[in-house]
PDB file of all heavy atoms in Angstrom:
ATOM      1  N   ALA A   1       0.483 -19.532  -8.013  1.00  0.00           N
ATOM      2  CA  ALA A   1       0.567 -18.289  -7.241  1.00  0.00           C
ATOM      3  C   ALA A   1      -0.790 -17.592  -7.145  1.00  0.00           C
ATOM      4  O   ALA A   1      -1.624 -17.694  -8.043  1.00  0.00           O
ATOM      5  CB  ALA A   1       1.582 -17.354  -7.891  1.00  0.00           C
ATOM      6  N   VAL A   2      -0.966 -16.890  -6.044  1.00  0.00           N
ATOM      7  CA  VAL A   2      -2.170 -16.085  -5.850  1.00  0.00           C
ATOM      8  C   VAL A   2      -1.723 -14.642  -5.705  1.00  0.00           C
ATOM      9  O   VAL A   2      -0.847 -14.333  -4.898  1.00  0.00           O
ATOM     10  CB  VAL A   2      -2.947 -16.535  -4.588  1.00  0.00           C
ATOM     11  CG1 VAL A   2      -4.130 -15.619  -4.338  1.00  0.00           C
ATOM     12  CG2 VAL A   2      -3.388 -17.978  -4.730  1.00  0.00           C
ATOM     13  N   SER A   3      -2.312 -13.773  -6.498  1.00  0.00           N
ATOM     14  CA  SER A   3      -1.917 -12.356  -6.453  1.00  0.00           C
ATOM     15  C   SER A   3      -3.055 -11.498  -5.908  1.00  0.00           C
ATOM     16  O   SER A   3      -4.222 -11.895  -5.949  1.00  0.00           O
ATOM     17  CB  SER A   3      -1.542 -11.873  -7.854  1.00  0.00           C
ATOM     18  OG  SER A   3      -2.687 -11.864  -8.692  1.00  0.00           O
ATOM     19  N   GLU A   4      -2.696 -10.328  -5.425  1.00  0.00           N
ATOM     20  CA  GLU A   4      -3.708  -9.372  -4.968  1.00  0.00           C
ATOM     21  C   GLU A   4      -4.592  -8.961  -6.139  1.00  0.00           C
ATOM     22  O   GLU A   4      -5.795  -8.760  -5.977  1.00  0.00           O
ATOM     23  CB  GLU A   4      -3.030  -8.149  -4.353  1.00  0.00           C
ATOM     24  CG  GLU A   4      -2.365  -8.426  -3.024  1.00  0.00           C
ATOM     25  CD  GLU A   4      -1.663  -7.198  -2.456  1.00  0.00           C
ATOM     26  OE1 GLU A   4      -1.894  -6.071  -2.946  1.00  0.00           O
ATOM     27  OE2 GLU A   4      -0.882  -7.384  -1.509  1.00  0.00           O
ATOM     28  N   GLU A   5      -3.989  -8.865  -7.315  1.00  0.00           N
ATOM     29  CA  GLU A   5      -4.740  -8.500  -8.519  1.00  0.00           C
ATOM     30  C   GLU A   5      -5.815  -9.540  -8.817  1.00  0.00           C
ATOM     31  O   GLU A   5      -6.958  -9.203  -9.130  1.00  0.00           O
ATOM     32  CB  GLU A   5      -3.781  -8.366  -9.700  1.00  0.00           C
ATOM     33  CG  GLU A   5      -4.463  -7.977 -10.993  1.00  0.00           C
ATOM     34  CD  GLU A   5      -3.495  -7.901 -12.155  1.00  0.00           C
ATOM     35  OE1 GLU A   5      -2.385  -8.465 -12.077  1.00  0.00           O
ATOM     36  OE2 GLU A   5      -3.877  -7.281 -13.166  1.00  0.00           O
ATOM     37  N   GLU A   6      -5.467 -10.805  -8.679  1.00  0.00           N
ATOM     38  CA  GLU A   6      -6.439 -11.882  -8.907  1.00  0.00           C
ATOM     39  C   GLU A   6      -7.575 -11.795  -7.905  1.00  0.00           C
ATOM     40  O   GLU A   6      -8.755 -11.881  -8.277  1.00  0.00           O
ATOM     41  CB  GLU A   6      -5.753 -13.252  -8.783  1.00  0.00           C
ATOM     42  CG  GLU A   6      -6.717 -14.419  -8.874  1.00  0.00           C
ATOM     43  CD  GLU A   6      -6.104 -15.748  -8.492  1.00  0.00           C
ATOM     44  OE1 GLU A   6      -4.892 -15.813  -8.218  1.00  0.00           O
ATOM     45  OE2 GLU A   6      -6.860 -16.738  -8.462  1.00  0.00           O
ATOM     46  N   GLU A   7      -7.235 -11.614  -6.637  1.00  0.00           N
ATOM     47  CA  GLU A   7      -8.267 -11.526  -5.595  1.00  0.00           C
ATOM     48  C   GLU A   7      -9.181 -10.332  -5.842  1.00  0.00           C
ATOM     49  O   GLU A   7     -10.399 -10.438  -5.693  1.00  0.00           O
ATOM     50  CB  GLU A   7      -7.622 -11.436  -4.219  1.00  0.00           C
ATOM     51  CG  GLU A   7      -6.989 -12.740  -3.779  1.00  0.00           C
ATOM     52  CD  GLU A   7      -6.495 -12.681  -2.353  1.00  0.00           C
ATOM     53  OE1 GLU A   7      -7.350 -12.699  -1.446  1.00  0.00           O
ATOM     54  OE2 GLU A   7      -5.270 -12.626  -2.166  1.00  0.00           O
ATOM     55  N   ALA A   8      -8.600  -9.194  -6.246  1.00  0.00           N
ATOM     56  CA  ALA A   8      -9.399  -7.997  -6.499  1.00  0.00           C
ATOM     57  C   ALA A   8     -10.313  -8.193  -7.712  1.00  0.00           C
ATOM     58  O   ALA A   8     -11.468  -7.770  -7.696  1.00  0.00           O
ATOM     59  CB  ALA A   8      -8.482  -6.801  -6.718  1.00  0.00           C
ATOM     60  N   GLU A   9      -9.787  -8.837  -8.754  1.00  0.00           N
ATOM     61  CA  GLU A   9     -10.549  -8.998  -9.991  1.00  0.00           C
ATOM     62  C   GLU A   9     -11.596 -10.104  -9.914  1.00  0.00           C
ATOM     63  O   GLU A   9     -12.704  -9.955 -10.427  1.00  0.00           O
ATOM     64  CB  GLU A   9      -9.575  -9.313 -11.137  1.00  0.00           C
ATOM     65  CG  GLU A   9      -9.724  -8.367 -12.287  1.00  0.00           C
ATOM     66  CD  GLU A   9      -8.747  -8.689 -13.396  1.00  0.00           C
ATOM     67  OE1 GLU A   9      -9.097  -9.512 -14.267  1.00  0.00           O
ATOM     68  OE2 GLU A   9      -7.651  -8.096 -13.386  1.00  0.00           O
ATOM     69  N   THR A  10     -11.242 -11.219  -9.287  1.00  0.00           N
ATOM     70  CA  THR A  10     -12.132 -12.376  -9.289  1.00  0.00           C
ATOM     71  C   THR A  10     -12.852 -12.576  -7.964  1.00  0.00           C
ATOM     72  O   THR A  10     -13.808 -13.344  -7.890  1.00  0.00           O
ATOM     73  CB  THR A  10     -11.352 -13.668  -9.605  1.00  0.00           C
ATOM     74  OG1 THR A  10     -10.434 -13.939  -8.544  1.00  0.00           O
ATOM     75  CG2 THR A  10     -10.608 -13.562 -10.925  1.00  0.00           C
ATOM     76  N   GLY A  11     -12.357 -11.929  -6.918  1.00  0.00           N
ATOM     77  CA  GLY A  11     -12.959 -12.094  -5.603  1.00  0.00           C
ATOM     78  C   GLY A  11     -12.563 -13.395  -4.916  1.00  0.00           C
ATOM     79  O   GLY A  11     -13.120 -13.742  -3.884  1.00  0.00           O
ATOM     80  N   GLN A  12     -11.588 -14.098  -5.500  1.00  0.00           N
ATOM     81  CA  GLN A  12     -11.158 -15.365  -4.924  1.00  0.00           C
ATOM     82  C   GLN A  12      -9.652 -15.535  -5.046  1.00  0.00           C
ATOM     83  O   GLN A  12      -9.023 -14.998  -5.952  1.00  0.00           O
ATOM     84  CB  GLN A  12     -11.833 -16.533  -5.629  1.00  0.00           C
ATOM     85  CG  GLN A  12     -13.314 -16.571  -5.413  1.00  0.00           C
ATOM     86  CD  GLN A  12     -13.933 -17.789  -6.040  1.00  0.00           C
ATOM     87  OE1 GLN A  12     -13.483 -18.279  -7.049  1.00  0.00           O
ATOM     88  NE2 GLN A  12     -14.985 -18.281  -5.422  1.00  0.00           N
ATOM     89  N   ALA A  13      -9.114 -16.316  -4.128  1.00  0.00           N
ATOM     90  CA  ALA A  13      -7.703 -16.701  -4.172  1.00  0.00           C
ATOM     91  C   ALA A  13      -7.663 -18.188  -4.482  1.00  0.00           C
ATOM     92  O   ALA A  13      -8.063 -19.007  -3.661  1.00  0.00           O
ATOM     93  CB  ALA A  13      -7.038 -16.406  -2.843  1.00  0.00           C
ATOM     94  N   VAL A  14      -7.211 -18.537  -5.667  1.00  0.00           N
ATOM     95  CA  VAL A  14      -7.196 -19.929  -6.095  1.00  0.00           C
ATOM     96  C   VAL A  14      -5.780 -20.309  -6.515  1.00  0.00           C
ATOM     97  O   VAL A  14      -5.149 -19.604  -7.303  1.00  0.00           O
ATOM     98  CB  VAL A  14      -8.170 -20.156  -7.276  1.00  0.00           C
ATOM     99  CG1 VAL A  14      -8.091 -21.578  -7.788  1.00  0.00           C
ATOM    100  CG2 VAL A  14      -9.589 -19.813  -6.857  1.00  0.00           C
ATOM    101  N   SER A  15      -5.309 -21.422  -5.987  1.00  0.00           N
ATOM    102  CA  SER A  15      -4.005 -21.959  -6.362  1.00  0.00           C
ATOM    103  C   SER A  15      -4.238 -23.290  -7.057  1.00  0.00           C
ATOM    104  O   SER A  15      -4.868 -24.189  -6.500  1.00  0.00           O
ATOM    105  CB  SER A  15      -3.133 -22.152  -5.113  1.00  0.00           C
ATOM    106  OG  SER A  15      -1.880 -22.688  -5.475  1.00  0.00           O
ATOM    107  N   VAL A  16      -3.737 -23.406  -8.272  1.00  0.00           N
ATOM    108  CA  VAL A  16      -3.926 -24.615  -9.070  1.00  0.00           C
ATOM    109  C   VAL A  16      -2.567 -25.261  -9.304  1.00  0.00           C
ATOM    110  O   VAL A  16      -1.637 -24.606  -9.764  1.00  0.00           O
ATOM    111  CB  VAL A  16      -4.593 -24.289 -10.427  1.00  0.00           C
ATOM    112  CG1 VAL A  16      -4.701 -25.533 -11.297  1.00  0.00           C
ATOM    113  CG2 VAL A  16      -5.961 -23.657 -10.209  1.00  0.00           C
ATOM    114  N   LEU A  17      -2.477 -26.535  -8.981  1.00  0.00           N
ATOM    115  CA  LEU A  17      -1.229 -27.266  -9.170  1.00  0.00           C
ATOM    116  C   LEU A  17      -1.307 -28.100 -10.438  1.00  0.00           C
ATOM    117  O   LEU A  17      -2.124 -29.012 -10.542  1.00  0.00           O
ATOM    118  CB  LEU A  17      -0.950 -28.170  -7.969  1.00  0.00           C
ATOM    119  CG  LEU A  17      -0.857 -27.477  -6.618  1.00  0.00           C
ATOM    120  CD1 LEU A  17      -0.636 -28.494  -5.511  1.00  0.00           C
ATOM    121  CD2 LEU A  17       0.254 -26.443  -6.622  1.00  0.00           C
ATOM    122  N   MET A  18      -0.466 -27.738 -11.398  1.00  0.00           N
ATOM    123  CA  MET A  18      -0.333 -28.511 -12.627  1.00  0.00           C
ATOM    124  C   MET A  18       1.159 -28.760 -12.828  1.00  0.00           C
ATOM    125  O   MET A  18       1.989 -28.145 -12.171  1.00  0.00           O
ATOM    126  CB  MET A  18      -0.969 -27.770 -13.806  1.00  0.00           C
ATOM    127  CG  MET A  18      -2.494 -27.698 -13.666  1.00  0.00           C
ATOM    128  SD  MET A  18      -3.349 -26.659 -14.867  1.00  0.00           S
ATOM    129  CE  MET A  18      -2.972 -27.402 -16.404  1.00  0.00           C
ATOM    130  N   PHE A  19       1.492 -29.663 -13.732  1.00  0.00           N
ATOM    131  CA  PHE A  19       2.873 -30.090 -13.900  1.00  0.00           C
ATOM    132  C   PHE A  19       3.381 -29.778 -15.302  1.00  0.00           C
ATOM    133  O   PHE A  19       2.738 -30.164 -16.288  1.00  0.00           O
ATOM    134  CB  PHE A  19       2.959 -31.598 -13.640  1.00  0.00           C
ATOM    135  CG  PHE A  19       4.343 -32.141 -13.668  1.00  0.00           C
ATOM    136  CD1 PHE A  19       5.210 -31.911 -12.616  1.00  0.00           C
ATOM    137  CD2 PHE A  19       4.788 -32.888 -14.750  1.00  0.00           C
ATOM    138  CE1 PHE A  19       6.495 -32.407 -12.638  1.00  0.00           C
ATOM    139  CE2 PHE A  19       6.075 -33.401 -14.782  1.00  0.00           C
ATOM    140  CZ  PHE A  19       6.929 -33.160 -13.721  1.00  0.00           C
ATOM    141  N   PRO A  20       4.536 -29.076 -15.412  1.00  0.00           N
ATOM    142  CA  PRO A  20       5.118 -28.856 -16.743  1.00  0.00           C
ATOM    143  C   PRO A  20       5.631 -30.189 -17.292  1.00  0.00           C
ATOM    144  O   PRO A  20       6.591 -30.745 -16.781  1.00  0.00           O
ATOM    145  CB  PRO A  20       6.263 -27.871 -16.484  1.00  0.00           C
ATOM    146  CG  PRO A  20       6.522 -27.892 -15.025  1.00  0.00           C
ATOM    147  CD  PRO A  20       5.327 -28.478 -14.348  1.00  0.00           C
ATOM    148  N   TRP A  21       4.970 -30.718 -18.295  1.00  0.00           N
ATOM    149  CA  TRP A  21       5.221 -32.067 -18.773  1.00  0.00           C
ATOM    150  C   TRP A  21       6.318 -32.141 -19.830  1.00  0.00           C
ATOM    151  O   TRP A  21       7.121 -33.058 -19.851  1.00  0.00           O
ATOM    152  CB  TRP A  21       3.915 -32.646 -19.313  1.00  0.00           C
ATOM    153  CG  TRP A  21       3.971 -34.094 -19.610  1.00  0.00           C
ATOM    154  CD1 TRP A  21       4.010 -34.665 -20.859  1.00  0.00           C
ATOM    155  CD2 TRP A  21       3.993 -35.168 -18.680  1.00  0.00           C
ATOM    156  NE1 TRP A  21       4.054 -36.033 -20.736  1.00  0.00           N
ATOM    157  CE2 TRP A  21       4.044 -36.369 -19.402  1.00  0.00           C
ATOM    158  CE3 TRP A  21       3.975 -35.239 -17.288  1.00  0.00           C
ATOM    159  CZ2 TRP A  21       4.072 -37.605 -18.803  1.00  0.00           C
ATOM    160  CZ3 TRP A  21       3.995 -36.474 -16.683  1.00  0.00           C
ATOM    161  CH2 TRP A  21       4.054 -37.639 -17.435  1.00  0.00           C
ATOM    162  N   SER A  22       6.325 -31.168 -20.734  1.00  0.00           N
ATOM    163  CA  SER A  22       7.329 -31.142 -21.803  1.00  0.00           C
ATOM    164  C   SER A  22       7.592 -29.698 -22.182  1.00  0.00           C
ATOM    165  O   SER A  22       7.100 -28.776 -21.537  1.00  0.00           O
ATOM    166  CB  SER A  22       6.850 -31.939 -23.023  1.00  0.00           C
ATOM    167  OG  SER A  22       5.804 -31.236 -23.682  1.00  0.00           O
ATOM    168  N   ALA A  23       8.337 -29.494 -23.253  1.00  0.00           N
ATOM    169  CA  ALA A  23       8.700 -28.139 -23.683  1.00  0.00           C
ATOM    170  C   ALA A  23       7.487 -27.297 -24.058  1.00  0.00           C
ATOM    171  O   ALA A  23       7.562 -26.069 -24.017  1.00  0.00           O
ATOM    172  CB  ALA A  23       9.670 -28.207 -24.863  1.00  0.00           C
ATOM    173  N   GLN A  24       6.363 -27.933 -24.397  1.00  0.00           N
ATOM    174  CA  GLN A  24       5.168 -27.187 -24.804  1.00  0.00           C
ATOM    175  C   GLN A  24       3.889 -27.714 -24.158  1.00  0.00           C
ATOM    176  O   GLN A  24       2.789 -27.392 -24.625  1.00  0.00           O
ATOM    177  CB  GLN A  24       5.010 -27.215 -26.334  1.00  0.00           C
ATOM    178  CG  GLN A  24       6.098 -26.517 -27.104  1.00  0.00           C
ATOM    179  CD  GLN A  24       6.245 -25.029 -26.772  1.00  0.00           C
ATOM    180  OE1 GLN A  24       7.329 -24.496 -26.886  1.00  0.00           O
ATOM    181  NE2 GLN A  24       5.218 -24.350 -26.372  1.00  0.00           N
ATOM    182  N   THR A  25       4.024 -28.505 -23.101  1.00  0.00           N
ATOM    183  CA  THR A  25       2.838 -29.153 -22.544  1.00  0.00           C
ATOM    184  C   THR A  25       2.814 -29.102 -21.020  1.00  0.00           C
ATOM    185  O   THR A  25       3.841 -29.248 -20.368  1.00  0.00           O
ATOM    186  CB  THR A  25       2.784 -30.634 -22.980  1.00  0.00           C
ATOM    187  OG1 THR A  25       2.974 -30.709 -24.393  1.00  0.00           O
ATOM    188  CG2 THR A  25       1.464 -31.268 -22.626  1.00  0.00           C
ATOM    189  N   VAL A  26       1.618 -28.891 -20.495  1.00  0.00           N
ATOM    190  CA  VAL A  26       1.357 -28.930 -19.059  1.00  0.00           C
ATOM    191  C   VAL A  26       0.360 -30.065 -18.813  1.00  0.00           C
ATOM    192  O   VAL A  26      -0.578 -30.246 -19.593  1.00  0.00           O
ATOM    193  CB  VAL A  26       0.779 -27.578 -18.578  1.00  0.00           C
ATOM    194  CG1 VAL A  26       0.265 -27.669 -17.166  1.00  0.00           C
ATOM    195  CG2 VAL A  26       1.819 -26.481 -18.707  1.00  0.00           C
ATOM    196  N   ARG A  27       0.551 -30.794 -17.724  1.00  0.00           N
ATOM    197  CA  ARG A  27      -0.308 -31.942 -17.424  1.00  0.00           C
ATOM    198  C   ARG A  27      -1.170 -31.647 -16.196  1.00  0.00           C
ATOM    199  O   ARG A  27      -0.670 -31.194 -15.165  1.00  0.00           O
ATOM    200  CB  ARG A  27       0.578 -33.157 -17.151  1.00  0.00           C
ATOM    201  CG  ARG A  27      -0.160 -34.425 -16.838  1.00  0.00           C
ATOM    202  CD  ARG A  27       0.872 -35.552 -16.717  1.00  0.00           C
ATOM    203  NE  ARG A  27       0.267 -36.813 -16.408  1.00  0.00           N
ATOM    204  CZ  ARG A  27       0.493 -37.482 -15.292  1.00  0.00           C
ATOM    205  NH1 ARG A  27       1.308 -37.017 -14.377  1.00  0.00           N
ATOM    206  NH2 ARG A  27      -0.087 -38.645 -15.093  1.00  0.00           N
ATOM    207  N   ALA A  28      -2.460 -31.918 -16.330  1.00  0.00           N
ATOM    208  CA  ALA A  28      -3.405 -31.776 -15.221  1.00  0.00           C
ATOM    209  C   ALA A  28      -4.055 -33.135 -14.988  1.00  0.00           C
ATOM    210  O   ALA A  28      -4.429 -33.812 -15.945  1.00  0.00           O
ATOM    211  CB  ALA A  28      -4.469 -30.736 -15.556  1.00  0.00           C
ATOM    212  N   VAL A  29      -4.164 -33.537 -13.721  1.00  0.00           N
ATOM    213  CA  VAL A  29      -4.721 -34.841 -13.383  1.00  0.00           C
ATOM    214  C   VAL A  29      -5.789 -34.674 -12.298  1.00  0.00           C
ATOM    215  O   VAL A  29      -5.567 -33.967 -11.320  1.00  0.00           O
ATOM    216  CB  VAL A  29      -3.619 -35.803 -12.877  1.00  0.00           C
ATOM    217  CG1 VAL A  29      -4.209 -37.163 -12.518  1.00  0.00           C
ATOM    218  CG2 VAL A  29      -2.522 -35.955 -13.916  1.00  0.00           C
ATOM    219  N   TRP A  30      -6.923 -35.356 -12.485  1.00  0.00           N
ATOM    220  CA  TRP A  30      -8.015 -35.310 -11.505  1.00  0.00           C
ATOM    221  C   TRP A  30      -7.989 -36.562 -10.649  1.00  0.00           C
ATOM    222  O   TRP A  30      -7.627 -37.640 -11.108  1.00  0.00           O
ATOM    223  CB  TRP A  30      -9.368 -35.210 -12.211  1.00  0.00           C
ATOM    224  CG  TRP A  30      -9.704 -33.794 -12.489  1.00  0.00           C
ATOM    225  CD1 TRP A  30     -10.622 -33.031 -11.842  1.00  0.00           C
ATOM    226  CD2 TRP A  30      -9.091 -32.950 -13.456  1.00  0.00           C
ATOM    227  NE1 TRP A  30     -10.594 -31.761 -12.346  1.00  0.00           N
ATOM    228  CE2 TRP A  30      -9.664 -31.683 -13.336  1.00  0.00           C
ATOM    229  CE3 TRP A  30      -8.086 -33.127 -14.404  1.00  0.00           C
ATOM    230  CZ2 TRP A  30      -9.284 -30.605 -14.136  1.00  0.00           C
ATOM    231  CZ3 TRP A  30      -7.709 -32.070 -15.184  1.00  0.00           C
ATOM    232  CH2 TRP A  30      -8.312 -30.825 -15.042  1.00  0.00           C
TER     233      TRP A  30
END
């Protein structure tokens, strides 16, 4: 998600897609 707060604070709108892998883990792949 991109929020107005993020854009105001960071000056950018960035959406990052990661995958909830397990009960305590998120997976990122390049």
